[in-house]
Amino acid sequence: MEIKAHRRHDISDKLWNKMEGLLPGTKGKVGRHGKDNRQFIDAVFWILRRGAPWRDLPPDFGDWKNTHRRFSR
């Protein structure tokens, strides 16, 4: 599997384990849950680190429109 260069800065497993249960939309809680909360967090951090517009979000982070909509909520 090819590793993407921007994945170098994704959050670590250790950090993810600490914050996973704090996010809204977690499985087991009331309401809908996010398809992939970790991917969403990594996508938001990617945008914030680069100061890039949402449309420049790499496709392997998911659809930029859905990610932006979720971020805006």
C-alpha atoms as a PDB file:
ATOM      1  CA  MET A   1       0.000   0.000   0.000  1.00  0.00           C
ATOM      2  CA  GLU A   2       1.343   3.415  -0.952  1.00  0.00           C
ATOM      3  CA  ILE A   3       1.654   5.896   1.902  1.00  0.00           C
ATOM      4  CA  LYS A   4       0.584   9.421   1.027  1.00  0.00           C
ATOM      5  CA  ALA A   5       2.981  12.226   1.958  1.00  0.00           C
ATOM      6  CA  HIS A   6       0.290  14.219   3.801  1.00  0.00           C
ATOM      7  CA  ARG A   7      -0.459  11.234   6.057  1.00  0.00           C
ATOM      8  CA  ARG A   8       2.825  11.869   7.851  1.00  0.00           C
ATOM      9  CA  HIS A   9       1.043  14.373  10.113  1.00  0.00           C
ATOM     10  CA  ASP A  10      -2.081  12.367  10.905  1.00  0.00           C
ATOM     11  CA  ILE A  11      -2.874  12.015  14.591  1.00  0.00           C
ATOM     12  CA  SER A  12      -1.169   9.150  16.402  1.00  0.00           C
ATOM     13  CA  ASP A  13      -2.967   6.073  17.712  1.00  0.00           C
ATOM     14  CA  LYS A  14      -2.113   7.166  21.259  1.00  0.00           C
ATOM     15  CA  LEU A  15      -3.756  10.577  20.803  1.00  0.00           C
ATOM     16  CA  TRP A  16      -6.719   9.080  18.960  1.00  0.00           C
ATOM     17  CA  ASN A  17      -7.392   6.639  21.815  1.00  0.00           C
ATOM     18  CA  LYS A  18      -7.556   9.571  24.239  1.00  0.00           C
ATOM     19  CA  MET A  19      -9.944  11.690  22.174  1.00  0.00           C
ATOM     20  CA  GLU A  20     -12.117   9.112  20.399  1.00  0.00           C
ATOM     21  CA  GLY A  21     -14.760   8.861  23.131  1.00  0.00           C
ATOM     22  CA  LEU A  22     -15.045  12.652  23.470  1.00  0.00           C
ATOM     23  CA  LEU A  23     -16.267  13.298  19.937  1.00  0.00           C
ATOM     24  CA  PRO A  24     -19.940  13.667  19.059  1.00  0.00           C
ATOM     25  CA  GLY A  25     -21.159  11.073  16.607  1.00  0.00           C
ATOM     26  CA  THR A  26     -19.427   8.157  18.301  1.00  0.00           C
ATOM     27  CA  LYS A  27     -20.914   4.679  17.894  1.00  0.00           C
ATOM     28  CA  GLY A  28     -23.031   3.666  20.856  1.00  0.00           C
ATOM     29  CA  LYS A  29     -24.247   7.197  21.573  1.00  0.00           C
ATOM     30  CA  VAL A  30     -27.708   8.526  20.733  1.00  0.00           C
ATOM     31  CA  GLY A  31     -28.099   9.884  17.196  1.00  0.00           C
ATOM     32  CA  ARG A  32     -26.150   9.273  14.024  1.00  0.00           C
ATOM     33  CA  HIS A  33     -22.475   8.539  14.125  1.00  0.00           C
ATOM     34  CA  GLY A  34     -19.775   9.751  11.797  1.00  0.00           C
ATOM     35  CA  LYS A  35     -18.614   7.308   9.156  1.00  0.00           C
ATOM     36  CA  ASP A  36     -15.009   7.782  10.197  1.00  0.00           C
ATOM     37  CA  ASN A  37     -14.364  10.300  12.965  1.00  0.00           C
ATOM     38  CA  ARG A  38     -10.606   9.851  12.779  1.00  0.00           C
ATOM     39  CA  GLN A  39     -10.554  10.569   9.048  1.00  0.00           C
ATOM     40  CA  PHE A  40     -12.650  13.673   9.684  1.00  0.00           C
ATOM     41  CA  ILE A  41     -10.257  14.963  12.375  1.00  0.00           C
ATOM     42  CA  ASP A  42      -7.243  14.297  10.144  1.00  0.00           C
ATOM     43  CA  ALA A  43      -8.957  16.125   7.263  1.00  0.00           C
ATOM     44  CA  VAL A  44      -9.681  19.190   9.417  1.00  0.00           C
ATOM     45  CA  PHE A  45      -6.098  19.242  10.699  1.00  0.00           C
ATOM     46  CA  TRP A  46      -4.844  18.970   7.105  1.00  0.00           C
ATOM     47  CA  ILE A  47      -6.884  22.052   6.123  1.00  0.00           C
ATOM     48  CA  LEU A  48      -5.800  24.021   9.195  1.00  0.00           C
ATOM     49  CA  ARG A  49      -2.101  23.203   8.802  1.00  0.00           C
ATOM     50  CA  ARG A  50      -2.017  24.275   5.177  1.00  0.00           C
ATOM     51  CA  GLY A  51      -4.500  27.135   5.203  1.00  0.00           C
ATOM     52  CA  ALA A  52      -5.938  25.568   2.061  1.00  0.00           C
ATOM     53  CA  PRO A  53      -9.484  25.969   0.770  1.00  0.00           C
ATOM     54  CA  TRP A  54     -11.798  23.024   1.416  1.00  0.00           C
ATOM     55  CA  ARG A  55     -11.892  22.185  -2.304  1.00  0.00           C
ATOM     56  CA  ASP A  56      -8.172  21.308  -2.109  1.00  0.00           C
ATOM     57  CA  LEU A  57      -8.738  18.538   0.436  1.00  0.00           C
ATOM     58  CA  PRO A  58      -7.178  15.345  -0.994  1.00  0.00           C
ATOM     59  CA  PRO A  59      -9.848  12.816  -2.042  1.00  0.00           C
ATOM     60  CA  ASP A  60      -8.560  10.094   0.280  1.00  0.00           C
ATOM     61  CA  PHE A  61      -9.866  12.189   3.203  1.00  0.00           C
ATOM     62  CA  GLY A  62     -13.374  11.866   1.777  1.00  0.00           C
ATOM     63  CA  ASP A  63     -15.640  14.288  -0.017  1.00  0.00           C
ATOM     64  CA  TRP A  64     -14.606  17.859   0.798  1.00  0.00           C
ATOM     65  CA  LYS A  65     -18.225  19.095   0.806  1.00  0.00           C
ATOM     66  CA  ASN A  66     -19.328  16.605   3.457  1.00  0.00           C
ATOM     67  CA  THR A  67     -16.238  17.260   5.553  1.00  0.00           C
ATOM     68  CA  HIS A  68     -16.806  21.018   5.376  1.00  0.00           C
ATOM     69  CA  ARG A  69     -20.509  20.647   6.228  1.00  0.00           C
ATOM     70  CA  ARG A  70     -19.663  18.553   9.286  1.00  0.00           C
ATOM     71  CA  PHE A  71     -16.938  21.016  10.340  1.00  0.00           C
ATOM     72  CA  SER A  72     -19.392  23.922  10.020  1.00  0.00           C
ATOM     73  CA  ARG A  73     -21.892  22.234  12.328  1.00  0.00           C
END
